[in-house]
Amino acid sequence: MQTGILSRSSAWMLRWAPAVALFAWAGAGWAQDLLITNVHRVDPAAERISKGLLLIEDGTIVGPVAAAPKEFAGTVVDAEGRYAIPGLVDTHVHSFGNMAPDGKMEMLFTPGSAKRALYAGVVAFLDLFGMEQVILGIRDGQRAGKGYPGASIFASGPCLTATKGHCSEYGIPTRIIDTPADARKQVGELAAKNPDVVKIVYDHEDYDGHSMPSIDLPTLEAAIATAREHDLATVVHIGHWQDVREATLAGATAVTHTPRGPMPADLPALMVEKGTMIIPTLAVQSELADLIADPTPLDGPLAQAVTGEHIRTPFRSRENFSERTERWLVWQKGMRAEILRSVGKLADAGVVVLAGTDAGNVGVIQGWSLHRELEKLVEAGLTPWHALRAASVDAGTLLGAKWGLTAGDRGDVILLDASPIDDIRNTRKIHLVIQGGKVVDREALLVP
């Protein structure tokens, strides 16, 4: 979906991210031993709630235990009957900040977005297009313990796209692949920087009478094959169902966005056969219309904590909406029911669905909108268990990490005041965020 509406001036500002975002952070002591007592463990992998103890040692979940280890020297947290879920993961963001429907911007830059996300219980995100040197440098600095507290950053770096194709319109340098030879060269060079995934744009949809150039099928196949040679996952931005089919047959790890129009009946089975996952991004494709129809979710404490009033207020008035935003609003209303049905059918068929929001686009808020994405996945027909898995266990499949509540999983846990299985909206009722076995000082994350 050609949903991004970054202005050239805001794209230019991203070049200054290192200058405005650097700050010191002591990484020592990051991992910690932690025992959570009197907790309801909500395990998406097993689809089971059990009450007892949850032990994290050296930043990794040991698992449910019958009793506290002898002479335990770590931190003990009494959950008082609250509900523990795995930390949530957003598999599609653009972490520069937030955009209001009237064009106002909230420039957080990647480090700021990482802090807001963690406050919201999003322990990791995958940035799928940014300034290559900046975003990969910030990611590497975070992993080396040199700064950037907040959600764990995963990143593709650039998009791989055609000349004048999607991602080239924002004034941010990206990698152009017009031929299979270009694809092999660019993916090979990018692989040296160890991106977490390779993002490729393969989009032949006509958007309201407007389309952008796209790479051809041989170039897509070469890009995916070269990424596989370097053991890199691929995420393919698609526009319509034929793009999904061809990306699946080419061996894409995942596709992102949900096409409008009827889904071919045989496609889910093909995706299951080939192991292709989908990041539907229901939030970016429906949230603008949903929040204008009913902005009351933005009144909640979590939404108010993680974004500014100048971003929330325009949802209550359409006075300053651009013509493009008005068209996007109409387009969302027209396809909402259809894309929800398609996602439900994909999930029912066994296609692995991942939770991703496309945050950074209009109507989608860093961190907070992942909770809305979970709601929309449930509305599409996924169970709350399945939605939680899409934002934890299954997200780890794409990113090569383990999120869950079983032994060996990362010690990233959220304590909730109510059960998300009873109501998926309860994921917003956050009591504590735990990252690497350490209780996070959430309020410190909101300090500019």
Foldseek 3Di string as FASTA:
>chain_A
DLFFDAALVLQVVLVCCVVVPDDFDALPPVFFWEKEAQEFECFLVVRDTDTGMWIFDQQFTQFGDHDDDPPDPTYYHYLNHFYKWWQFEAEEAAQQFAAALLGDTDGLHNLLLQLLQVLLRHQEYEYEAGQQCVLLVVLVCVVVRGDRDGHRYAYQYHEEWAVQARRVPRNHDHQYFQDLVSLLVVLVVSLVSPHLAHEYEAEDDQQPNDHTDGHDLSNLLSNCVNCVVSVHAYEYEYEAQVSVVSNLVSQHQEYEAFYFDDHPPCVLVSCVVSNYAYAHQLQSLAQLLVCLVPVVVCVDPSNPLSDPPVRSVCSPDDPNRDPVSVSSNVRSVVRNVVRLQVLLVSVVSPHQYAYHHHGPGYRAGRNVCSLVSLVSNVVSPDQNSSSSCNGAQSSCVSRVAHITRRGRHGSWMWTFRDDCNVPSNSSSRTDFTAGSNHTDPSVVSSDD
